[in-house]
Amino acid sequence: MLQMFELDGVFMLQTVVVFSVFGVAAGMIGTYLKRRPKVRVWLDRLAGATFIGLGIRVALKD
């Protein structure tokens, strides 16, 4: 039982660390994109092309 609580604690600590890193990285990327609107425009275009490509793939699928 004690070992299970220890493993749960380790898992929760790892989860906090991983999600904190994701949050900090997302904040840094968001700041970067706010300062460079041209990059954001190209990312929007890339996302649009991806969705169009996926739509065509689904439409032509048997």
N, C-alpha and C. Protein backbone atom coordinates (compact mmCIF):
# COMPACT_ATOMS: atom_id res chain seq x y z
N MET A 1 0.83 -1.19 0.00
CA MET A 1 0.00 0.00 0.00
C MET A 1 0.87 1.26 0.00
N LEU A 2 1.92 1.26 0.81
CA LEU A 2 2.81 2.42 0.88
C LEU A 2 3.52 2.64 -0.46
N GLN A 3 3.93 1.54 -1.08
CA GLN A 3 4.60 1.64 -2.36
C GLN A 3 3.66 2.24 -3.42
N MET A 4 2.39 1.90 -3.35
CA MET A 4 1.41 2.45 -4.30
C MET A 4 1.28 3.96 -4.12
N PHE A 5 1.24 4.42 -2.88
CA PHE A 5 1.18 5.86 -2.62
C PHE A 5 2.43 6.57 -3.11
N GLU A 6 3.58 5.94 -2.96
CA GLU A 6 4.83 6.53 -3.45
C GLU A 6 4.80 6.64 -4.97
N LEU A 7 4.36 5.57 -5.63
CA LEU A 7 4.29 5.60 -7.09
C LEU A 7 3.28 6.65 -7.57
N ASP A 8 2.16 6.78 -6.86
CA ASP A 8 1.18 7.82 -7.20
C ASP A 8 1.80 9.21 -7.07
N GLY A 9 2.57 9.41 -6.02
CA GLY A 9 3.23 10.70 -5.82
C GLY A 9 4.22 11.02 -6.93
N VAL A 10 5.00 10.01 -7.32
CA VAL A 10 5.96 10.20 -8.41
C VAL A 10 5.23 10.52 -9.71
N PHE A 11 4.15 9.81 -9.97
CA PHE A 11 3.38 10.05 -11.19
C PHE A 11 2.81 11.47 -11.20
N MET A 12 2.26 11.90 -10.07
CA MET A 12 1.69 13.26 -10.01
C MET A 12 2.78 14.32 -10.19
N LEU A 13 3.95 14.10 -9.61
CA LEU A 13 5.06 15.04 -9.76
C LEU A 13 5.50 15.12 -11.22
N GLN A 14 5.62 13.98 -11.88
CA GLN A 14 5.99 13.97 -13.29
C GLN A 14 4.95 14.69 -14.14
N THR A 15 3.69 14.48 -13.83
CA THR A 15 2.61 15.12 -14.58
C THR A 15 2.68 16.63 -14.43
N VAL A 16 2.91 17.11 -13.22
CA VAL A 16 3.02 18.55 -12.98
C VAL A 16 4.20 19.13 -13.78
N VAL A 17 5.32 18.43 -13.76
CA VAL A 17 6.50 18.93 -14.48
C VAL A 17 6.25 18.97 -15.98
N VAL A 18 5.69 17.91 -16.54
CA VAL A 18 5.46 17.85 -17.98
C VAL A 18 4.48 18.92 -18.42
N PHE A 19 3.35 19.06 -17.71
CA PHE A 19 2.36 20.06 -18.10
C PHE A 19 2.87 21.48 -17.88
N SER A 20 3.73 21.69 -16.90
CA SER A 20 4.33 23.00 -16.70
C SER A 20 5.25 23.36 -17.87
N VAL A 21 6.02 22.39 -18.32
CA VAL A 21 6.89 22.63 -19.48
C VAL A 21 6.06 22.94 -20.71
N PHE A 22 4.98 22.19 -20.93
CA PHE A 22 4.09 22.46 -22.06
C PHE A 22 3.51 23.87 -21.96
N GLY A 23 3.09 24.26 -20.79
CA GLY A 23 2.51 25.59 -20.60
C GLY A 23 3.50 26.70 -20.88
N VAL A 24 4.70 26.56 -20.37
CA VAL A 24 5.73 27.57 -20.60
C VAL A 24 6.09 27.64 -22.09
N ALA A 25 6.23 26.48 -22.73
CA ALA A 25 6.55 26.46 -24.15
C ALA A 25 5.43 27.10 -24.97
N ALA A 26 4.18 26.81 -24.64
CA ALA A 26 3.06 27.41 -25.36
C ALA A 26 3.05 28.92 -25.19
N GLY A 27 3.35 29.39 -23.99
CA GLY A 27 3.42 30.83 -23.75
C GLY A 27 4.53 31.49 -24.56
N MET A 28 5.67 30.84 -24.65
CA MET A 28 6.78 31.38 -25.42
C MET A 28 6.44 31.42 -26.91
N ILE A 29 5.82 30.37 -27.41
CA ILE A 29 5.42 30.33 -28.82
C ILE A 29 4.37 31.40 -29.09
N GLY A 30 3.41 31.56 -28.17
CA GLY A 30 2.38 32.60 -28.34
C GLY A 30 2.98 33.99 -28.39
N THR A 31 3.95 34.26 -27.52
CA THR A 31 4.63 35.56 -27.53
C THR A 31 5.37 35.77 -28.84
N TYR A 32 6.04 34.73 -29.32
CA TYR A 32 6.77 34.82 -30.58
C TYR A 32 5.81 35.14 -31.73
N LEU A 33 4.67 34.46 -31.76
CA LEU A 33 3.71 34.68 -32.84
C LEU A 33 3.08 36.07 -32.78
N LYS A 34 2.90 36.60 -31.59
CA LYS A 34 2.33 37.95 -31.45
C LYS A 34 3.29 39.01 -31.99
N ARG A 35 4.58 38.76 -31.85
CA ARG A 35 5.58 39.73 -32.33
C ARG A 35 5.85 39.61 -33.83
N ARG A 36 5.49 38.48 -34.43
CA ARG A 36 5.76 38.25 -35.85
C ARG A 36 4.47 37.82 -36.56
N PRO A 37 3.69 38.80 -37.01
CA PRO A 37 2.41 38.46 -37.64
C PRO A 37 2.56 37.70 -38.96
N LYS A 38 3.67 37.87 -39.67
CA LYS A 38 3.86 37.14 -40.93
C LYS A 38 3.95 35.64 -40.69
N VAL A 39 4.59 35.24 -39.61
CA VAL A 39 4.69 33.81 -39.29
C VAL A 39 3.30 33.26 -39.00
N ARG A 40 2.50 34.05 -38.29
CA ARG A 40 1.14 33.62 -37.97
C ARG A 40 0.30 33.44 -39.23
N VAL A 41 0.47 34.35 -40.19
CA VAL A 41 -0.27 34.24 -41.46
C VAL A 41 0.11 32.95 -42.17
N TRP A 42 1.40 32.64 -42.22
CA TRP A 42 1.83 31.42 -42.89
C TRP A 42 1.37 30.16 -42.16
N LEU A 43 1.33 30.22 -40.83
CA LEU A 43 0.80 29.08 -40.08
C LEU A 43 -0.69 28.89 -40.36
N ASP A 44 -1.44 29.99 -40.48
CA ASP A 44 -2.86 29.89 -40.83
C ASP A 44 -3.03 29.28 -42.22
N ARG A 45 -2.21 29.69 -43.15
CA ARG A 45 -2.27 29.13 -44.51
C ARG A 45 -1.95 27.65 -44.51
N LEU A 46 -0.92 27.27 -43.75
CA LEU A 46 -0.54 25.87 -43.65
C LEU A 46 -1.67 25.04 -43.04
N ALA A 47 -2.29 25.56 -42.00
CA ALA A 47 -3.41 24.85 -41.37
C ALA A 47 -4.57 24.73 -42.36
N GLY A 48 -4.86 25.79 -43.10
CA GLY A 48 -5.94 25.73 -44.09
C GLY A 48 -5.66 24.72 -45.18
N ALA A 49 -4.43 24.70 -45.68
CA ALA A 49 -4.07 23.73 -46.71
C ALA A 49 -4.17 22.30 -46.18
N THR A 50 -3.80 22.12 -44.93
CA THR A 50 -3.90 20.79 -44.31
C THR A 50 -5.34 20.34 -44.25
N PHE A 51 -6.24 21.22 -43.81
CA PHE A 51 -7.65 20.86 -43.73
C PHE A 51 -8.25 20.61 -45.10
N ILE A 52 -7.85 21.38 -46.09
CA ILE A 52 -8.34 21.15 -47.45
C ILE A 52 -7.87 19.78 -47.95
N GLY A 53 -6.59 19.48 -47.71
CA GLY A 53 -6.06 18.18 -48.11
C GLY A 53 -6.76 17.03 -47.42
N LEU A 54 -7.02 17.16 -46.13
CA LEU A 54 -7.74 16.12 -45.42
C LEU A 54 -9.17 15.98 -45.92
N GLY A 55 -9.80 17.11 -46.26
CA GLY A 55 -11.15 17.06 -46.80
C GLY A 55 -11.21 16.36 -48.13
N ILE A 56 -10.24 16.62 -48.98
CA ILE A 56 -10.19 15.95 -50.29
C ILE A 56 -9.95 14.46 -50.11
N ARG A 57 -9.08 14.13 -49.17
CA ARG A 57 -8.78 12.71 -48.91
C ARG A 57 -10.04 11.98 -48.43
N VAL A 58 -10.78 12.59 -47.53
CA VAL A 58 -11.99 11.97 -47.02
C VAL A 58 -13.05 11.88 -48.12
N ALA A 59 -13.14 12.91 -48.95
CA ALA A 59 -14.15 12.91 -50.02
C ALA A 59 -13.87 11.83 -51.07
N LEU A 60 -12.61 11.55 -51.32
CA LEU A 60 -12.26 10.57 -52.35
C LEU A 60 -12.09 9.16 -51.80
N LYS A 61 -12.25 9.01 -50.51
CA LYS A 61 -12.07 7.69 -49.89
C LYS A 61 -13.29 6.81 -50.19
N ASP A 62 -13.03 5.55 -50.44
CA ASP A 62 -14.11 4.60 -50.75
C ASP A 62 -14.86 4.20 -49.52
